[in-house]
Amino acid sequence: MPDLLSVTAGLARTLNHAKEPQEVFAAVEDAIRRTIGFRLLTILFVLPDRSAVQRIHSSDPVAYPVTGRKPFRT
C-alpha cells in the first residue's frame, strides 16, 4: 500500500494548481486507485433544476461515457 501522506500531498498539490476540472478528477481517480482501489469510478453532477444527474468523469469512458444522464431521484 502506498504512503497515504504522499498520496494526499500529491492530491493537494493538484487541487491547488489545477486549471481544469478534469485535472482534479484524474488526480482523485489516481489517489483512490492507489489507496483503496475500485472497479469503476464515476463523478456525477446534479443539474441545477435537480431533474437529472450527468456523468462528468468516468474511469471507463468507453462503457460509461461522460455524456450519460439519468433522472435524479431523492
PDB file of N, CA and C in Angstrom:
ATOM      1  N   MET A   1       0.841  -1.171   0.000  1.00  0.00           N
ATOM      2  CA  MET A   1       0.000   0.000   0.000  1.00  0.00           C
ATOM      3  C   MET A   1       0.894   1.244   0.000  1.00  0.00           C
ATOM      4  N   PRO A   2       0.565   2.229  -0.848  1.00  0.00           N
ATOM      5  CA  PRO A   2       1.398   3.435  -0.912  1.00  0.00           C
ATOM      6  C   PRO A   2       1.266   4.263   0.362  1.00  0.00           C
ATOM      7  N   ASP A   3       2.214   5.139   0.539  1.00  0.00           N
ATOM      8  CA  ASP A   3       2.208   6.035   1.687  1.00  0.00           C
ATOM      9  C   ASP A   3       1.048   7.023   1.543  1.00  0.00           C
ATOM     10  N   LEU A   4       0.078   6.929   2.451  1.00  0.00           N
ATOM     11  CA  LEU A   4      -1.124   7.750   2.384  1.00  0.00           C
ATOM     12  C   LEU A   4      -0.797   9.237   2.428  1.00  0.00           C
ATOM     13  N   LEU A   5       0.202   9.603   3.194  1.00  0.00           N
ATOM     14  CA  LEU A   5       0.584  11.008   3.291  1.00  0.00           C
ATOM     15  C   LEU A   5       1.078  11.538   1.947  1.00  0.00           C
ATOM     16  N   SER A   6       1.881  10.763   1.238  1.00  0.00           N
ATOM     17  CA  SER A   6       2.398  11.232  -0.056  1.00  0.00           C
ATOM     18  C   SER A   6       1.282  11.291  -1.100  1.00  0.00           C
ATOM     19  N   VAL A   7       0.341  10.335  -1.064  1.00  0.00           N
ATOM     20  CA  VAL A   7      -0.791  10.357  -1.988  1.00  0.00           C
ATOM     21  C   VAL A   7      -1.641  11.597  -1.718  1.00  0.00           C
ATOM     22  N   THR A   8      -1.910  11.868  -0.460  1.00  0.00           N
ATOM     23  CA  THR A   8      -2.715  13.020  -0.081  1.00  0.00           C
ATOM     24  C   THR A   8      -2.014  14.325  -0.452  1.00  0.00           C
ATOM     25  N   ALA A   9      -0.716  14.390  -0.235  1.00  0.00           N
ATOM     26  CA  ALA A   9       0.047  15.592  -0.580  1.00  0.00           C
ATOM     27  C   ALA A   9       0.020  15.836  -2.086  1.00  0.00           C
ATOM     28  N   GLY A  10       0.146  14.775  -2.867  1.00  0.00           N
ATOM     29  CA  GLY A  10       0.076  14.913  -4.326  1.00  0.00           C
ATOM     30  C   GLY A  10      -1.286  15.399  -4.788  1.00  0.00           C
ATOM     31  N   LEU A  11      -2.320  14.872  -4.170  1.00  0.00           N
ATOM     32  CA  LEU A  11      -3.679  15.301  -4.497  1.00  0.00           C
ATOM     33  C   LEU A  11      -3.867  16.778  -4.123  1.00  0.00           C
ATOM     34  N   ALA A  12      -3.368  17.166  -2.974  1.00  0.00           N
ATOM     35  CA  ALA A  12      -3.484  18.565  -2.540  1.00  0.00           C
ATOM     36  C   ALA A  12      -2.760  19.500  -3.504  1.00  0.00           C
ATOM     37  N   ARG A  13      -1.587  19.095  -3.987  1.00  0.00           N
ATOM     38  CA  ARG A  13      -0.852  19.918  -4.959  1.00  0.00           C
ATOM     39  C   ARG A  13      -1.672  20.106  -6.230  1.00  0.00           C
ATOM     40  N   THR A  14      -2.276  19.014  -6.699  1.00  0.00           N
ATOM     41  CA  THR A  14      -3.096  19.108  -7.911  1.00  0.00           C
ATOM     42  C   THR A  14      -4.290  20.020  -7.682  1.00  0.00           C
ATOM     43  N   LEU A  15      -4.963  19.858  -6.544  1.00  0.00           N
ATOM     44  CA  LEU A  15      -6.118  20.706  -6.242  1.00  0.00           C
ATOM     45  C   LEU A  15      -5.721  22.175  -6.207  1.00  0.00           C
ATOM     46  N   ASN A  16      -4.535  22.452  -5.717  1.00  0.00           N
ATOM     47  CA  ASN A  16      -4.061  23.828  -5.585  1.00  0.00           C
ATOM     48  C   ASN A  16      -3.670  24.451  -6.924  1.00  0.00           C
ATOM     49  N   HIS A  17      -3.213  23.632  -7.883  1.00  0.00           N
ATOM     50  CA  HIS A  17      -2.678  24.178  -9.126  1.00  0.00           C
ATOM     51  C   HIS A  17      -3.509  23.856 -10.371  1.00  0.00           C
ATOM     52  N   ALA A  18      -4.538  23.074 -10.248  1.00  0.00           N
ATOM     53  CA  ALA A  18      -5.312  22.645 -11.419  1.00  0.00           C
ATOM     54  C   ALA A  18      -5.967  23.836 -12.121  1.00  0.00           C
ATOM     55  N   LYS A  19      -5.944  23.779 -13.431  1.00  0.00           N
ATOM     56  CA  LYS A  19      -6.584  24.808 -14.251  1.00  0.00           C
ATOM     57  C   LYS A  19      -7.945  24.340 -14.769  1.00  0.00           C
ATOM     58  N   GLU A  20      -8.117  23.036 -14.879  1.00  0.00           N
ATOM     59  CA  GLU A  20      -9.348  22.457 -15.427  1.00  0.00           C
ATOM     60  C   GLU A  20      -9.897  21.406 -14.467  1.00  0.00           C
ATOM     61  N   PRO A  21     -11.214  21.276 -14.389  1.00  0.00           N
ATOM     62  CA  PRO A  21     -11.809  20.255 -13.521  1.00  0.00           C
ATOM     63  C   PRO A  21     -11.301  18.842 -13.827  1.00  0.00           C
ATOM     64  N   GLN A  22     -11.039  18.552 -15.087  1.00  0.00           N
ATOM     65  CA  GLN A  22     -10.583  17.217 -15.464  1.00  0.00           C
ATOM     66  C   GLN A  22      -9.263  16.850 -14.798  1.00  0.00           C
ATOM     67  N   GLU A  23      -8.425  17.831 -14.539  1.00  0.00           N
ATOM     68  CA  GLU A  23      -7.170  17.577 -13.826  1.00  0.00           C
ATOM     69  C   GLU A  23      -7.455  17.089 -12.406  1.00  0.00           C
ATOM     70  N   VAL A  24      -8.425  17.708 -11.764  1.00  0.00           N
ATOM     71  CA  VAL A  24      -8.810  17.315 -10.408  1.00  0.00           C
ATOM     72  C   VAL A  24      -9.422  15.920 -10.427  1.00  0.00           C
ATOM     73  N   PHE A  25     -10.319  15.659 -11.389  1.00  0.00           N
ATOM     74  CA  PHE A  25     -10.969  14.350 -11.466  1.00  0.00           C
ATOM     75  C   PHE A  25      -9.932  13.242 -11.657  1.00  0.00           C
ATOM     76  N   ALA A  26      -8.967  13.474 -12.541  1.00  0.00           N
ATOM     77  CA  ALA A  26      -7.922  12.476 -12.786  1.00  0.00           C
ATOM     78  C   ALA A  26      -7.075  12.258 -11.533  1.00  0.00           C
ATOM     79  N   ALA A  27      -6.771  13.322 -10.803  1.00  0.00           N
ATOM     80  CA  ALA A  27      -5.968  13.200  -9.580  1.00  0.00           C
ATOM     81  C   ALA A  27      -6.736  12.448  -8.495  1.00  0.00           C
ATOM     82  N   VAL A  28      -8.028  12.724  -8.373  1.00  0.00           N
ATOM     83  CA  VAL A  28      -8.853  11.999  -7.408  1.00  0.00           C
ATOM     84  C   VAL A  28      -8.894  10.523  -7.775  1.00  0.00           C
ATOM     85  N   GLU A  29      -9.104  10.239  -9.068  1.00  0.00           N
ATOM     86  CA  GLU A  29      -9.124   8.845  -9.530  1.00  0.00           C
ATOM     87  C   GLU A  29      -7.811   8.141  -9.188  1.00  0.00           C
ATOM     88  N   ASP A  30      -6.691   8.796  -9.465  1.00  0.00           N
ATOM     89  CA  ASP A  30      -5.390   8.197  -9.179  1.00  0.00           C
ATOM     90  C   ASP A  30      -5.204   7.946  -7.685  1.00  0.00           C
ATOM     91  N   ALA A  31      -5.589   8.917  -6.856  1.00  0.00           N
ATOM     92  CA  ALA A  31      -5.430   8.769  -5.406  1.00  0.00           C
ATOM     93  C   ALA A  31      -6.276   7.614  -4.876  1.00  0.00           C
ATOM     94  N   ILE A  32      -7.501   7.509  -5.347  1.00  0.00           N
ATOM     95  CA  ILE A  32      -8.368   6.419  -4.889  1.00  0.00           C
ATOM     96  C   ILE A  32      -7.843   5.074  -5.385  1.00  0.00           C
ATOM     97  N   ARG A  33      -7.409   5.025  -6.639  1.00  0.00           N
ATOM     98  CA  ARG A  33      -6.857   3.780  -7.192  1.00  0.00           C
ATOM     99  C   ARG A  33      -5.650   3.309  -6.382  1.00  0.00           C
ATOM    100  N   ARG A  34      -4.776   4.253  -6.015  1.00  0.00           N
ATOM    101  CA  ARG A  34      -3.551   3.907  -5.299  1.00  0.00           C
ATOM    102  C   ARG A  34      -3.781   3.543  -3.842  1.00  0.00           C
ATOM    103  N   THR A  35      -4.890   3.978  -3.258  1.00  0.00           N
ATOM    104  CA  THR A  35      -5.115   3.726  -1.837  1.00  0.00           C
ATOM    105  C   THR A  35      -6.108   2.594  -1.589  1.00  0.00           C
ATOM    106  N   ILE A  36      -7.341   2.746  -2.040  1.00  0.00           N
ATOM    107  CA  ILE A  36      -8.340   1.702  -1.745  1.00  0.00           C
ATOM    108  C   ILE A  36      -8.763   0.904  -2.969  1.00  0.00           C
ATOM    109  N   GLY A  37      -8.518   1.430  -4.163  1.00  0.00           N
ATOM    110  CA  GLY A  37      -8.888   0.740  -5.387  1.00  0.00           C
ATOM    111  C   GLY A  37     -10.379   0.844  -5.684  1.00  0.00           C
ATOM    112  N   PHE A  38     -10.746   0.457  -6.907  1.00  0.00           N
ATOM    113  CA  PHE A  38     -12.136   0.465  -7.335  1.00  0.00           C
ATOM    114  C   PHE A  38     -12.262  -0.301  -8.638  1.00  0.00           C
ATOM    115  N   ARG A  39     -13.472  -0.685  -8.970  1.00  0.00           N
ATOM    116  CA  ARG A  39     -13.757  -1.300 -10.272  1.00  0.00           C
ATOM    117  C   ARG A  39     -14.182  -0.237 -11.272  1.00  0.00           C
ATOM    118  N   LEU A  40     -14.974   0.707 -10.802  1.00  0.00           N
ATOM    119  CA  LEU A  40     -15.455   1.800 -11.629  1.00  0.00           C
ATOM    120  C   LEU A  40     -15.577   3.030 -10.754  1.00  0.00           C
ATOM    121  N   LEU A  41     -15.107   4.162 -11.269  1.00  0.00           N
ATOM    122  CA  LEU A  41     -15.254   5.422 -10.558  1.00  0.00           C
ATOM    123  C   LEU A  41     -15.929   6.402 -11.505  1.00  0.00           C
ATOM    124  N   THR A  42     -17.064   6.923 -11.099  1.00  0.00           N
ATOM    125  CA  THR A  42     -17.717   7.980 -11.862  1.00  0.00           C
ATOM    126  C   THR A  42     -17.993   9.148 -10.934  1.00  0.00           C
ATOM    127  N   ILE A  43     -17.963  10.332 -11.509  1.00  0.00           N
ATOM    128  CA  ILE A  43     -18.298  11.541 -10.782  1.00  0.00           C
ATOM    129  C   ILE A  43     -19.522  12.120 -11.462  1.00  0.00           C
ATOM    130  N   LEU A  44     -20.549  12.390 -10.660  1.00  0.00           N
ATOM    131  CA  LEU A  44     -21.815  12.876 -11.190  1.00  0.00           C
ATOM    132  C   LEU A  44     -22.054  14.317 -10.771  1.00  0.00           C
ATOM    133  N   PHE A  45     -22.757  15.041 -11.632  1.00  0.00           N
ATOM    134  CA  PHE A  45     -23.141  16.423 -11.389  1.00  0.00           C
ATOM    135  C   PHE A  45     -24.660  16.493 -11.378  1.00  0.00           C
ATOM    136  N   VAL A  46     -25.220  17.064 -10.318  1.00  0.00           N
ATOM    137  CA  VAL A  46     -26.669  17.248 -10.254  1.00  0.00           C
ATOM    138  C   VAL A  46     -26.997  18.521 -11.032  1.00  0.00           C
ATOM    139  N   LEU A  47     -27.847  18.395 -12.049  1.00  0.00           N
ATOM    140  CA  LEU A  47     -28.221  19.556 -12.844  1.00  0.00           C
ATOM    141  C   LEU A  47     -28.921  20.597 -11.967  1.00  0.00           C
ATOM    142  N   PRO A  48     -28.764  21.883 -12.299  1.00  0.00           N
ATOM    143  CA  PRO A  48     -29.322  22.939 -11.450  1.00  0.00           C
ATOM    144  C   PRO A  48     -30.815  22.795 -11.145  1.00  0.00           C
ATOM    145  N   ASP A  49     -31.584  22.288 -12.089  1.00  0.00           N
ATOM    146  CA  ASP A  49     -33.024  22.132 -11.829  1.00  0.00           C
ATOM    147  C   ASP A  49     -33.343  20.826 -11.090  1.00  0.00           C
ATOM    148  N   ARG A  50     -32.300  20.082 -10.748  1.00  0.00           N
ATOM    149  CA  ARG A  50     -32.406  18.818  -9.999  1.00  0.00           C
ATOM    150  C   ARG A  50     -33.240  17.759 -10.732  1.00  0.00           C
ATOM    151  N   SER A  51     -33.367  17.889 -12.040  1.00  0.00           N
ATOM    152  CA  SER A  51     -34.137  16.923 -12.813  1.00  0.00           C
ATOM    153  C   SER A  51     -33.331  15.671 -13.159  1.00  0.00           C
ATOM    154  N   ALA A  52     -32.019  15.818 -13.192  1.00  0.00           N
ATOM    155  CA  ALA A  52     -31.180  14.699 -13.612  1.00  0.00           C
ATOM    156  C   ALA A  52     -29.765  14.866 -13.065  1.00  0.00           C
ATOM    157  N   VAL A  53     -29.005  13.763 -13.140  1.00  0.00           N
ATOM    158  CA  VAL A  53     -27.572  13.809 -12.866  1.00  0.00           C
ATOM    159  C   VAL A  53     -26.855  13.478 -14.169  1.00  0.00           C
ATOM    160  N   GLN A  54     -25.704  14.093 -14.349  1.00  0.00           N
ATOM    161  CA  GLN A  54     -24.913  13.848 -15.554  1.00  0.00           C
ATOM    162  C   GLN A  54     -23.520  13.411 -15.140  1.00  0.00           C
ATOM    163  N   ARG A  55     -23.027  12.368 -15.803  1.00  0.00           N
ATOM    164  CA  ARG A  55     -21.680  11.886 -15.535  1.00  0.00           C
ATOM    165  C   ARG A  55     -20.689  12.882 -16.118  1.00  0.00           C
ATOM    166  N   ILE A  56     -19.764  13.363 -15.283  1.00  0.00           N
ATOM    167  CA  ILE A  56     -18.758  14.317 -15.753  1.00  0.00           C
ATOM    168  C   ILE A  56     -17.349  13.732 -15.725  1.00  0.00           C
ATOM    169  N   HIS A  57     -17.220  12.526 -15.154  1.00  0.00           N
ATOM    170  CA  HIS A  57     -15.935  11.817 -15.181  1.00  0.00           C
ATOM    171  C   HIS A  57     -16.216  10.328 -15.058  1.00  0.00           C
ATOM    172  N   SER A  58     -15.450   9.541 -15.791  1.00  0.00           N
ATOM    173  CA  SER A  58     -15.586   8.095 -15.726  1.00  0.00           C
ATOM    174  C   SER A  58     -14.216   7.451 -15.873  1.00  0.00           C
ATOM    175  N   SER A  59     -13.951   6.458 -15.036  1.00  0.00           N
ATOM    176  CA  SER A  59     -12.693   5.719 -15.163  1.00  0.00           C
ATOM    177  C   SER A  59     -12.767   4.736 -16.331  1.00  0.00           C
ATOM    178  N   ASP A  60     -13.971   4.517 -16.869  1.00  0.00           N
ATOM    179  CA  ASP A  60     -14.178   3.650 -18.027  1.00  0.00           C
ATOM    180  C   ASP A  60     -15.083   4.380 -19.022  1.00  0.00           C
ATOM    181  N   PRO A  61     -14.515   5.377 -19.734  1.00  0.00           N
ATOM    182  CA  PRO A  61     -15.350   6.208 -20.601  1.00  0.00           C
ATOM    183  C   PRO A  61     -15.948   5.481 -21.809  1.00  0.00           C
ATOM    184  N   VAL A  62     -15.410   4.328 -22.164  1.00  0.00           N
ATOM    185  CA  VAL A  62     -15.999   3.575 -23.278  1.00  0.00           C
ATOM    186  C   VAL A  62     -17.336   2.975 -22.839  1.00  0.00           C
ATOM    187  N   ALA A  63     -17.349   2.303 -21.707  1.00  0.00           N
ATOM    188  CA  ALA A  63     -18.573   1.669 -21.210  1.00  0.00           C
ATOM    189  C   ALA A  63     -19.501   2.667 -20.527  1.00  0.00           C
ATOM    190  N   TYR A  64     -18.929   3.696 -19.896  1.00  0.00           N
ATOM    191  CA  TYR A  64     -19.704   4.686 -19.152  1.00  0.00           C
ATOM    192  C   TYR A  64     -19.269   6.088 -19.579  1.00  0.00           C
ATOM    193  N   PRO A  65     -19.735   6.534 -20.755  1.00  0.00           N
ATOM    194  CA  PRO A  65     -19.281   7.826 -21.281  1.00  0.00           C
ATOM    195  C   PRO A  65     -19.750   9.002 -20.439  1.00  0.00           C
ATOM    196  N   VAL A  66     -19.003  10.094 -20.521  1.00  0.00           N
ATOM    197  CA  VAL A  66     -19.319  11.266 -19.721  1.00  0.00           C
ATOM    198  C   VAL A  66     -20.591  11.975 -20.180  1.00  0.00           C
ATOM    199  N   THR A  67     -21.171  11.557 -21.264  1.00  0.00           N
ATOM    200  CA  THR A  67     -22.424  12.166 -21.717  1.00  0.00           C
ATOM    201  C   THR A  67     -23.639  11.510 -21.068  1.00  0.00           C
ATOM    202  N   GLY A  68     -23.416  10.475 -20.275  1.00  0.00           N
ATOM    203  CA  GLY A  68     -24.529   9.761 -19.655  1.00  0.00           C
ATOM    204  C   GLY A  68     -25.319  10.628 -18.686  1.00  0.00           C
ATOM    205  N   ARG A  69     -26.649  10.512 -18.766  1.00  0.00           N
ATOM    206  CA  ARG A  69     -27.553  11.247 -17.876  1.00  0.00           C
ATOM    207  C   ARG A  69     -28.661  10.331 -17.420  1.00  0.00           C
ATOM    208  N   LYS A  70     -29.138  10.550 -16.201  1.00  0.00           N
ATOM    209  CA  LYS A  70     -30.296   9.805 -15.732  1.00  0.00           C
ATOM    210  C   LYS A  70     -31.087  10.669 -14.767  1.00  0.00           C
ATOM    211  N   PRO A  71     -32.376  10.373 -14.628  1.00  0.00           N
ATOM    212  CA  PRO A  71     -33.214  11.172 -13.735  1.00  0.00           C
ATOM    213  C   PRO A  71     -32.659  11.169 -12.319  1.00  0.00           C
ATOM    214  N   PHE A  72     -32.800  12.310 -11.670  1.00  0.00           N
ATOM    215  CA  PHE A  72     -32.351  12.446 -10.281  1.00  0.00           C
ATOM    216  C   PHE A  72     -33.529  12.157  -9.374  1.00  0.00           C
ATOM    217  N   ARG A  73     -33.333  11.215  -8.498  1.00  0.00           N
ATOM    218  CA  ARG A  73     -34.370  10.862  -7.544  1.00  0.00           C
ATOM    219  C   ARG A  73     -33.826  11.059  -6.138  1.00  0.00           C
ATOM    220  N   THR A  74     -34.599  11.687  -5.293  1.00  0.00           N
ATOM    221  CA  THR A  74     -34.163  11.905  -3.908  1.00  0.00           C
ATOM    222  C   THR A  74     -34.705  10.820  -3.013  1.00  0.00           C
TER     223      THR A  74
END
